[in-house]
PDB file of N, CA and C in Angstrom:
ATOM      1  N   MET A   1     -35.573  33.225-162.004  1.00  0.00           N
ATOM      2  CA  MET A   1     -35.675  31.781-162.069  1.00  0.00           C
ATOM      3  C   MET A   1     -35.446  31.285-163.496  1.00  0.00           C
ATOM      4  N   LYS A   2     -36.048  31.983-164.451  1.00  0.00           N
ATOM      5  CA  LYS A   2     -35.870  31.583-165.838  1.00  0.00           C
ATOM      6  C   LYS A   2     -34.405  31.716-166.261  1.00  0.00           C
ATOM      7  N   CYS A   3     -33.760  32.733-165.765  1.00  0.00           N
ATOM      8  CA  CYS A   3     -32.355  32.983-166.126  1.00  0.00           C
ATOM      9  C   CYS A   3     -31.447  31.861-165.612  1.00  0.00           C
ATOM     10  N   SER A   4     -31.648  31.437-164.371  1.00  0.00           N
ATOM     11  CA  SER A   4     -30.809  30.373-163.824  1.00  0.00           C
ATOM     12  C   SER A   4     -31.077  29.038-164.527  1.00  0.00           C
ATOM     13  N   ALA A   5     -32.300  28.782-164.912  1.00  0.00           N
ATOM     14  CA  ALA A   5     -32.622  27.554-165.643  1.00  0.00           C
ATOM     15  C   ALA A   5     -31.977  27.573-167.023  1.00  0.00           C
ATOM     16  N   LEU A   6     -31.978  28.734-167.657  1.00  0.00           N
ATOM     17  CA  LEU A   6     -31.358  28.879-168.969  1.00  0.00           C
ATOM     18  C   LEU A   6     -29.838  28.680-168.887  1.00  0.00           C
ATOM     19  N   ILE A   7     -29.219  29.230-167.868  1.00  0.00           N
ATOM     20  CA  ILE A   7     -27.768  29.069-167.677  1.00  0.00           C
ATOM     21  C   ILE A   7     -27.430  27.612-167.399  1.00  0.00           C
ATOM     22  N   THR A   8     -28.205  26.952-166.563  1.00  0.00           N
ATOM     23  CA  THR A   8     -27.972  25.542-166.256  1.00  0.00           C
ATOM     24  C   THR A   8     -28.128  24.680-167.502  1.00  0.00           C
ATOM     25  N   ALA A   9     -29.158  24.923-168.273  1.00  0.00           N
ATOM     26  CA  ALA A   9     -29.379  24.150-169.502  1.00  0.00           C
ATOM     27  C   ALA A   9     -28.246  24.387-170.499  1.00  0.00           C
ATOM     28  N   SER A  10     -27.766  25.613-170.597  1.00  0.00           N
ATOM     29  CA  SER A  10     -26.657  25.935-171.506  1.00  0.00           C
ATOM     30  C   SER A  10     -25.382  25.206-171.092  1.00  0.00           C
ATOM     31  N   CYS A  11     -25.093  25.183-169.796  1.00  0.00           N
ATOM     32  CA  CYS A  11     -23.895  24.493-169.304  1.00  0.00           C
ATOM     33  C   CYS A  11     -23.967  22.991-169.581  1.00  0.00           C
ATOM     34  N   VAL A  12     -25.128  22.404-169.353  1.00  0.00           N
ATOM     35  CA  VAL A  12     -25.297  20.972-169.608  1.00  0.00           C
ATOM     36  C   VAL A  12     -25.108  20.684-171.095  1.00  0.00           C
ATOM     37  N   LEU A  13     -25.659  21.525-171.946  1.00  0.00           N
ATOM     38  CA  LEU A  13     -25.519  21.351-173.395  1.00  0.00           C
ATOM     39  C   LEU A  13     -24.062  21.472-173.834  1.00  0.00           C
ATOM     40  N   ILE A  14     -23.355  22.442-173.309  1.00  0.00           N
ATOM     41  CA  ILE A  14     -21.935  22.629-173.650  1.00  0.00           C
ATOM     42  C   ILE A  14     -21.110  21.423-173.196  1.00  0.00           C
ATOM     43  N   LEU A  15     -21.357  20.922-172.003  1.00  0.00           N
ATOM     44  CA  LEU A  15     -20.638  19.742-171.518  1.00  0.00           C
ATOM     45  C   LEU A  15     -20.929  18.516-172.375  1.00  0.00           C
ATOM     46  N   PHE A  16     -22.173  18.348-172.789  1.00  0.00           N
ATOM     47  CA  PHE A  16     -22.540  17.224-173.653  1.00  0.00           C
ATOM     48  C   PHE A  16     -21.804  17.300-174.990  1.00  0.00           C
ATOM     49  N   ILE A  17     -21.780  18.483-175.586  1.00  0.00           N
ATOM     50  CA  ILE A  17     -21.095  18.652-176.874  1.00  0.00           C
ATOM     51  C   ILE A  17     -19.600  18.428-176.724  1.00  0.00           C
ATOM     52  N   ALA A  18     -18.988  18.964-175.678  1.00  0.00           N
ATOM     53  CA  ALA A  18     -17.546  18.798-175.467  1.00  0.00           C
ATOM     54  C   ALA A  18     -17.192  17.329-175.256  1.00  0.00           C
ATOM     55  N   ASN A  19     -17.993  16.602-174.506  1.00  0.00           N
ATOM     56  CA  ASN A  19     -17.751  15.182-174.276  1.00  0.00           C
ATOM     57  C   ASN A  19     -17.880  14.393-175.571  1.00  0.00           C
ATOM     58  N   HIS A  20     -18.850  14.735-176.387  1.00  0.00           N
ATOM     59  CA  HIS A  20     -19.050  14.047-177.667  1.00  0.00           C
ATOM     60  C   HIS A  20     -17.865  14.295-178.609  1.00  0.00           C
ATOM     61  N   VAL A  21     -17.345  15.517-178.651  1.00  0.00           N
ATOM     62  CA  VAL A  21     -16.196  15.849-179.505  1.00  0.00           C
ATOM     63  C   VAL A  21     -14.961  15.081-179.046  1.00  0.00           C
ATOM     64  N   GLU A  22     -14.732  14.971-177.748  1.00  0.00           N
ATOM     65  CA  GLU A  22     -13.582  14.230-177.224  1.00  0.00           C
ATOM     66  C   GLU A  22     -13.642  12.767-177.637  1.00  0.00           C
ATOM     67  N   LYS A  23     -14.824  12.161-177.589  1.00  0.00           N
ATOM     68  CA  LYS A  23     -14.972  10.763-177.984  1.00  0.00           C
ATOM     69  C   LYS A  23     -14.700  10.587-179.470  1.00  0.00           C
ATOM     70  N   MET A  24     -15.120  11.538-180.297  1.00  0.00           N
ATOM     71  CA  MET A  24     -14.898  11.458-181.736  1.00  0.00           C
ATOM     72  C   MET A  24     -13.412  11.574-182.045  1.00  0.00           C
ATOM     73  N   GLU A  25     -12.695  12.465-181.362  1.00  0.00           N
ATOM     74  CA  GLU A  25     -11.267  12.652-181.597  1.00  0.00           C
ATOM     75  C   GLU A  25     -10.463  11.454-181.124  1.00  0.00           C
ATOM     76  N   ALA A  26     -10.920  10.769-180.102  1.00  0.00           N
ATOM     77  CA  ALA A  26     -10.168   9.650-179.537  1.00  0.00           C
ATOM     78  C   ALA A  26     -10.217   8.419-180.437  1.00  0.00           C
ATOM     79  N   LYS A  27     -11.135   8.328-181.369  1.00  0.00           N
ATOM     80  CA  LYS A  27     -11.271   7.150-182.216  1.00  0.00           C
ATOM     81  C   LYS A  27     -10.119   6.991-183.194  1.00  0.00           C
ATOM     82  N   ALA A  28      -9.675   8.053-183.811  1.00  0.00           N
ATOM     83  CA  ALA A  28      -8.603   7.975-184.808  1.00  0.00           C
ATOM     84  C   ALA A  28      -7.257   8.230-184.135  1.00  0.00           C
ATOM     85  N   PRO A  29      -6.337   7.259-184.183  1.00  0.00           N
ATOM     86  CA  PRO A  29      -5.025   7.490-183.581  1.00  0.00           C
ATOM     87  C   PRO A  29      -4.224   8.482-184.418  1.00  0.00           C
ATOM     88  N   PRO A  30      -3.463   9.343-183.775  1.00  0.00           N
ATOM     89  CA  PRO A  30      -2.670  10.302-184.539  1.00  0.00           C
ATOM     90  C   PRO A  30      -1.539   9.590-185.275  1.00  0.00           C
ATOM     91  N   PRO A  31      -1.145  10.111-186.430  1.00  0.00           N
ATOM     92  CA  PRO A  31      -0.039   9.475-187.145  1.00  0.00           C
ATOM     93  C   PRO A  31       1.264   9.613-186.371  1.00  0.00           C
ATOM     94  N   SER A  32       2.102   8.595-186.477  1.00  0.00           N
ATOM     95  CA  SER A  32       3.397   8.620-185.802  1.00  0.00           C
ATOM     96  C   SER A  32       4.461   9.098-186.772  1.00  0.00           C
ATOM     97  N   GLU A  33       5.459   9.741-186.244  1.00  0.00           N
ATOM     98  CA  GLU A  33       6.564  10.194-187.067  1.00  0.00           C
ATOM     99  C   GLU A  33       7.697   9.182-186.992  1.00  0.00           C
ATOM    100  N   CYS A  34       8.055   8.652-188.131  1.00  0.00           N
ATOM    101  CA  CYS A  34       9.173   7.724-188.217  1.00  0.00           C
ATOM    102  C   CYS A  34      10.234   8.354-189.109  1.00  0.00           C
ATOM    103  N   TRP A  35      11.466   8.294-188.683  1.00  0.00           N
ATOM    104  CA  TRP A  35      12.574   8.827-189.479  1.00  0.00           C
ATOM    105  C   TRP A  35      13.496   7.690-189.866  1.00  0.00           C
ATOM    106  N   GLU A  36      13.876   7.658-191.115  1.00  0.00           N
ATOM    107  CA  GLU A  36      14.823   6.668-191.622  1.00  0.00           C
ATOM    108  C   GLU A  36      15.943   7.411-192.338  1.00  0.00           C
ATOM    109  N   GLY A  37      17.145   6.900-192.220  1.00  0.00           N
ATOM    110  CA  GLY A  37      18.282   7.545-192.861  1.00  0.00           C
ATOM    111  C   GLY A  37      19.167   6.555-193.590  1.00  0.00           C
ATOM    112  N   ILE A  38      19.720   6.997-194.714  1.00  0.00           N
ATOM    113  CA  ILE A  38      20.621   6.174-195.513  1.00  0.00           C
ATOM    114  C   ILE A  38      21.798   7.045-195.936  1.00  0.00           C
ATOM    115  N   VAL A  39      22.991   6.463-195.960  1.00  0.00           N
ATOM    116  CA  VAL A  39      24.195   7.157-196.405  1.00  0.00           C
ATOM    117  C   VAL A  39      24.320   6.999-197.916  1.00  0.00           C
ATOM    118  N   PHE A  40      24.547   8.117-198.609  1.00  0.00           N
ATOM    119  CA  PHE A  40      24.740   8.130-200.055  1.00  0.00           C
ATOM    120  C   PHE A  40      26.090   8.767-200.369  1.00  0.00           C
ATOM    121  N   PRO A  41      26.690   8.425-201.502  1.00  0.00           N
ATOM    122  CA  PRO A  41      27.958   9.047-201.885  1.00  0.00           C
ATOM    123  C   PRO A  41      27.755  10.482-202.356  1.00  0.00           C
ATOM    124  N   GLY A  42      28.789  11.300-202.229  1.00  0.00           N
ATOM    125  CA  GLY A  42      28.752  12.681-202.695  1.00  0.00           C
ATOM    126  C   GLY A  42      28.284  13.657-201.634  1.00  0.00           C
ATOM    127  N   LYS A  43      28.256  14.943-202.027  1.00  0.00           N
ATOM    128  CA  LYS A  43      27.825  16.004-201.117  1.00  0.00           C
ATOM    129  C   LYS A  43      26.329  16.251-201.254  1.00  0.00           C
ATOM    130  N   CYS A  44      25.792  17.059-200.350  1.00  0.00           N
ATOM    131  CA  CYS A  44      24.367  17.374-200.374  1.00  0.00           C
ATOM    132  C   CYS A  44      23.982  18.197-201.601  1.00  0.00           C
ATOM    133  N   GLY A  45      24.750  19.191-201.931  1.00  0.00           N
ATOM    134  CA  GLY A  45      24.430  20.045-203.067  1.00  0.00           C
ATOM    135  C   GLY A  45      23.466  21.155-202.690  1.00  0.00           C
ATOM    136  N   VAL A  46      23.100  21.957-203.699  1.00  0.00           N
ATOM    137  CA  VAL A  46      22.243  23.121-203.472  1.00  0.00           C
ATOM    138  C   VAL A  46      20.827  22.703-203.064  1.00  0.00           C
ATOM    139  N   ASN A  47      20.237  21.740-203.756  1.00  0.00           N
ATOM    140  CA  ASN A  47      18.890  21.244-203.452  1.00  0.00           C
ATOM    141  C   ASN A  47      18.975  19.897-202.744  1.00  0.00           C
ATOM    142  N   GLY A  48      19.776  19.819-201.719  1.00  0.00           N
ATOM    143  CA  GLY A  48      20.040  18.561-201.035  1.00  0.00           C
ATOM    144  C   GLY A  48      18.813  17.865-200.480  1.00  0.00           C
ATOM    145  N   ASN A  49      17.909  18.629-199.872  1.00  0.00           N
ATOM    146  CA  ASN A  49      16.716  18.018-199.282  1.00  0.00           C
ATOM    147  C   ASN A  49      15.812  17.395-200.349  1.00  0.00           C
ATOM    148  N   LYS A  50      15.648  18.096-201.479  1.00  0.00           N
ATOM    149  CA  LYS A  50      14.822  17.559-202.571  1.00  0.00           C
ATOM    150  C   LYS A  50      15.482  16.341-203.203  1.00  0.00           C
ATOM    151  N   GLU A  51      16.800  16.410-203.366  1.00  0.00           N
ATOM    152  CA  GLU A  51      17.525  15.272-203.941  1.00  0.00           C
ATOM    153  C   GLU A  51      17.449  14.059-203.015  1.00  0.00           C
ATOM    154  N   CYS A  52      17.529  14.299-201.715  1.00  0.00           N
ATOM    155  CA  CYS A  52      17.399  13.201-200.755  1.00  0.00           C
ATOM    156  C   CYS A  52      16.038  12.529-200.878  1.00  0.00           C
ATOM    157  N   LEU A  53      14.999  13.323-201.032  1.00  0.00           N
ATOM    158  CA  LEU A  53      13.658  12.760-201.178  1.00  0.00           C
ATOM    159  C   LEU A  53      13.598  11.851-202.411  1.00  0.00           C
ATOM    160  N   LYS A  54      14.127  12.324-203.528  1.00  0.00           N
ATOM    161  CA  LYS A  54      14.128  11.523-204.758  1.00  0.00           C
ATOM    162  C   LYS A  54      14.909  10.219-204.568  1.00  0.00           C
ATOM    163  N   LYS A  55      16.080  10.312-203.942  1.00  0.00           N
ATOM    164  CA  LYS A  55      16.921   9.123-203.743  1.00  0.00           C
ATOM    165  C   LYS A  55      16.265   8.113-202.807  1.00  0.00           C
ATOM    166  N   MET A  56      15.691   8.593-201.723  1.00  0.00           N
ATOM    167  CA  MET A  56      15.077   7.693-200.745  1.00  0.00           C
ATOM    168  C   MET A  56      13.858   6.984-201.338  1.00  0.00           C
ATOM    169  N   VAL A  57      13.027   7.714-202.073  1.00  0.00           N
ATOM    170  CA  VAL A  57      11.844   7.103-202.685  1.00  0.00           C
ATOM    171  C   VAL A  57      12.265   6.077-203.722  1.00  0.00           C
ATOM    172  N   ALA A  58      13.288   6.405-204.515  1.00  0.00           N
ATOM    173  CA  ALA A  58      13.753   5.471-205.541  1.00  0.00           C
ATOM    174  C   ALA A  58      14.352   4.208-204.927  1.00  0.00           C
ATOM    175  N   LYS A  59      15.083   4.361-203.837  1.00  0.00           N
ATOM    176  CA  LYS A  59      15.754   3.210-203.235  1.00  0.00           C
ATOM    177  C   LYS A  59      14.813   2.367-202.376  1.00  0.00           C
ATOM    178  N   GLU A  60      13.997   2.990-201.562  1.00  0.00           N
ATOM    179  CA  GLU A  60      13.187   2.274-200.576  1.00  0.00           C
ATOM    180  C   GLU A  60      11.743   2.044-201.012  1.00  0.00           C
ATOM    181  N   ARG A  61      11.264   2.786-201.999  1.00  0.00           N
ATOM    182  CA  ARG A  61       9.874   2.657-202.483  1.00  0.00           C
ATOM    183  C   ARG A  61       8.857   2.863-201.360  1.00  0.00           C
ATOM    184  N   LYS A  62       9.070   3.904-200.552  1.00  0.00           N
ATOM    185  CA  LYS A  62       8.157   4.256-199.469  1.00  0.00           C
ATOM    186  C   LYS A  62       7.741   5.712-199.633  1.00  0.00           C
ATOM    187  N   PRO A  63       6.575   6.102-199.119  1.00  0.00           N
ATOM    188  CA  PRO A  63       6.120   7.496-199.250  1.00  0.00           C
ATOM    189  C   PRO A  63       6.768   8.416-198.207  1.00  0.00           C
ATOM    190  N   TYR A  64       7.996   8.827-198.476  1.00  0.00           N
ATOM    191  CA  TYR A  64       8.697   9.723-197.561  1.00  0.00           C
ATOM    192  C   TYR A  64       8.264  11.166-197.764  1.00  0.00           C
ATOM    193  N   ARG A  65       8.544  11.976-196.739  1.00  0.00           N
ATOM    194  CA  ARG A  65       8.358  13.421-196.839  1.00  0.00           C
ATOM    195  C   ARG A  65       9.320  14.090-195.873  1.00  0.00           C
ATOM    196  N   ASN A  66       9.509  15.363-196.001  1.00  0.00           N
ATOM    197  CA  ASN A  66      10.372  16.143-195.104  1.00  0.00           C
ATOM    198  C   ASN A  66      11.768  15.542-194.968  1.00  0.00           C
ATOM    199  N   CYS A  67      12.466  15.432-196.049  1.00  0.00           N
ATOM    200  CA  CYS A  67      13.831  14.897-195.999  1.00  0.00           C
ATOM    201  C   CYS A  67      14.828  15.994-195.637  1.00  0.00           C
ATOM    202  N   GLU A  68      15.896  15.575-194.979  1.00  0.00           N
ATOM    203  CA  GLU A  68      16.986  16.479-194.618  1.00  0.00           C
ATOM    204  C   GLU A  68      18.296  15.861-195.063  1.00  0.00           C
ATOM    205  N   CYS A  69      19.124  16.666-195.700  1.00  0.00           N
ATOM    206  CA  CYS A  69      20.434  16.208-196.141  1.00  0.00           C
ATOM    207  C   CYS A  69      21.484  16.729-195.168  1.00  0.00           C
ATOM    208  N   GLN A  70      22.325  15.815-194.676  1.00  0.00           N
ATOM    209  CA  GLN A  70      23.377  16.191-193.731  1.00  0.00           C
ATOM    210  C   GLN A  70      24.701  15.623-194.224  1.00  0.00           C
ATOM    211  N   LEU A  71      25.770  16.325-193.935  1.00  0.00           N
ATOM    212  CA  LEU A  71      27.091  15.842-194.321  1.00  0.00           C
ATOM    213  C   LEU A  71      27.415  14.552-193.582  1.00  0.00           C
ATOM    214  N   GLY A  72      28.128  13.676-194.260  1.00  0.00           N
ATOM    215  CA  GLY A  72      28.507  12.407-193.654  1.00  0.00           C
ATOM    216  C   GLY A  72      29.443  12.591-192.480  1.00  0.00           C
ATOM    217  N   VAL A  73      29.418  11.650-191.569  1.00  0.00           N
ATOM    218  CA  VAL A  73      30.233  11.743-190.357  1.00  0.00           C
ATOM    219  C   VAL A  73      31.672  11.322-190.627  1.00  0.00           C
ATOM    220  N   SER A  74      31.850  10.196-191.296  1.00  0.00           N
ATOM    221  CA  SER A  74      33.205   9.679-191.487  1.00  0.00           C
ATOM    222  C   SER A  74      33.992  10.486-192.515  1.00  0.00           C
ATOM    223  N   ASP A  75      33.342  10.934-193.598  1.00  0.00           N
ATOM    224  CA  ASP A  75      34.025  11.736-194.617  1.00  0.00           C
ATOM    225  C   ASP A  75      33.026  12.688-195.262  1.00  0.00           C
ATOM    226  N   PRO A  76      32.883  13.916-194.735  1.00  0.00           N
ATOM    227  CA  PRO A  76      31.886  14.859-195.239  1.00  0.00           C
ATOM    228  C   PRO A  76      32.054  15.236-196.708  1.00  0.00           C
ATOM    229  N   LYS A  77      33.263  15.079-197.257  1.00  0.00           N
ATOM    230  CA  LYS A  77      33.490  15.438-198.657  1.00  0.00           C
ATOM    231  C   LYS A  77      33.044  14.340-199.616  1.00  0.00           C
ATOM    232  N   LYS A  78      32.894  13.120-199.118  1.00  0.00           N
ATOM    233  CA  LYS A  78      32.582  11.993-199.994  1.00  0.00           C
ATOM    234  C   LYS A  78      31.218  11.355-199.747  1.00  0.00           C
ATOM    235  N   GLU A  79      30.512  11.762-198.676  1.00  0.00           N
ATOM    236  CA  GLU A  79      29.219  11.144-198.398  1.00  0.00           C
ATOM    237  C   GLU A  79      28.279  12.113-197.692  1.00  0.00           C
ATOM    238  N   HIS A  80      26.995  11.822-197.811  1.00  0.00           N
ATOM    239  CA  HIS A  80      25.967  12.571-197.094  1.00  0.00           C
ATOM    240  C   HIS A  80      24.905  11.598-196.607  1.00  0.00           C
ATOM    241  N   ILE A  81      24.174  12.036-195.597  1.00  0.00           N
ATOM    242  CA  ILE A  81      23.133  11.200-194.995  1.00  0.00           C
ATOM    243  C   ILE A  81      21.775  11.827-195.310  1.00  0.00           C
ATOM    244  N   CYS A  82      20.912  11.033-195.905  1.00  0.00           N
ATOM    245  CA  CYS A  82      19.535  11.467-196.159  1.00  0.00           C
ATOM    246  C   CYS A  82      18.652  10.904-195.060  1.00  0.00           C
ATOM    247  N   SER A  83      18.020  11.787-194.298  1.00  0.00           N
ATOM    248  CA  SER A  83      17.073  11.394-193.253  1.00  0.00           C
ATOM    249  C   SER A  83      15.702  11.895-193.672  1.00  0.00           C
ATOM    250  N   CYS A  84      14.754  10.960-193.797  1.00  0.00           N
ATOM    251  CA  CYS A  84      13.425  11.326-194.271  1.00  0.00           C
ATOM    252  C   CYS A  84      12.350  10.841-193.315  1.00  0.00           C
ATOM    253  N   GLN A  85      11.269  11.585-193.282  1.00  0.00           N
ATOM    254  CA  GLN A  85      10.137  11.280-192.407  1.00  0.00           C
ATOM    255  C   GLN A  85       9.122  10.427-193.165  1.00  0.00           C
ATOM    256  N   LEU A  86       8.604   9.430-192.468  1.00  0.00           N
ATOM    257  CA  LEU A  86       7.584   8.538-193.007  1.00  0.00           C
ATOM    258  C   LEU A  86       6.447   8.500-192.001  1.00  0.00           C
ATOM    259  N   LEU A  87       5.245   8.877-192.415  1.00  0.00           N
ATOM    260  CA  LEU A  87       4.111   8.872-191.494  1.00  0.00           C
ATOM    261  C   LEU A  87       3.390   7.534-191.546  1.00  0.00           C
ATOM    262  N   VAL A  88       3.161   6.950-190.390  1.00  0.00           N
ATOM    263  CA  VAL A  88       2.419   5.702-190.267  1.00  0.00           C
ATOM    264  C   VAL A  88       1.440   5.842-189.108  1.00  0.00           C
ATOM    265  N   THR A  89       0.356   5.061-189.143  1.00  0.00           N
ATOM    266  CA  THR A  89      -0.620   5.142-188.058  1.00  0.00           C
ATOM    267  C   THR A  89      -0.246   4.235-186.891  1.00  0.00           C
ATOM    268  N   ASP A  90       0.598   3.231-187.143  1.00  0.00           N
ATOM    269  CA  ASP A  90       1.024   2.299-186.095  1.00  0.00           C
ATOM    270  C   ASP A  90       2.511   2.488-185.829  1.00  0.00           C
ATOM    271  N   PRO A  91       2.896   2.996-184.642  1.00  0.00           N
ATOM    272  CA  PRO A  91       4.307   3.238-184.368  1.00  0.00           C
ATOM    273  C   PRO A  91       5.172   1.981-184.418  1.00  0.00           C
ATOM    274  N   ASN A  92       4.557   0.795-184.286  1.00  0.00           N
ATOM    275  CA  ASN A  92       5.328  -0.442-184.362  1.00  0.00           C
ATOM    276  C   ASN A  92       5.799  -0.743-185.782  1.00  0.00           C
ATOM    277  N   LYS A  93       5.217  -0.071-186.772  1.00  0.00           N
ATOM    278  CA  LYS A  93       5.582  -0.301-188.161  1.00  0.00           C
ATOM    279  C   LYS A  93       6.669   0.664-188.652  1.00  0.00           C
ATOM    280  N   CYS A  94       7.203   1.480-187.753  1.00  0.00           N
ATOM    281  CA  CYS A  94       8.184   2.471-188.157  1.00  0.00           C
ATOM    282  C   CYS A  94       9.419   1.848-188.800  1.00  0.00           C
ATOM    283  N   PHE A  95       9.933   0.800-188.246  1.00  0.00           N
ATOM    284  CA  PHE A  95      11.206   0.266-188.714  1.00  0.00           C
ATOM    285  C   PHE A  95      11.060  -1.112-189.370  1.00  0.00           C
ATOM    286  N   GLN A  96       9.860  -1.437-189.809  1.00  0.00           N
ATOM    287  CA  GLN A  96       9.645  -2.692-190.513  1.00  0.00           C
ATOM    288  C   GLN A  96       9.765  -2.456-191.997  1.00  0.00           C
ATOM    289  N   SER A  97      10.285  -3.424-192.715  1.00  0.00           N
ATOM    290  CA  SER A  97      10.426  -3.273-194.165  1.00  0.00           C
ATOM    291  C   SER A  97       9.140  -3.621-194.870  1.00  0.00           C
TER     292      SER A  97
END
């Protein structure tokens, strides 16, 4: 009898803790991933991703991260596209200036 009461009490306690953790996690919305890209003259170069980050921050004045440098579509020898990630908590703010 004591064993079954102990098991029941343990299950109730575990369910209470799990429910409380779920409520705590639901309060903070996860950050959204927004990607913005700009065409720049020239090729990507050896450190293209780092250079893209520098160019995007200088031009847009936003806290970018995880930039990727890709060859331009119309003329890969004369242009490249910098695509950078910007984290925001509200997905509606992804493309607002």
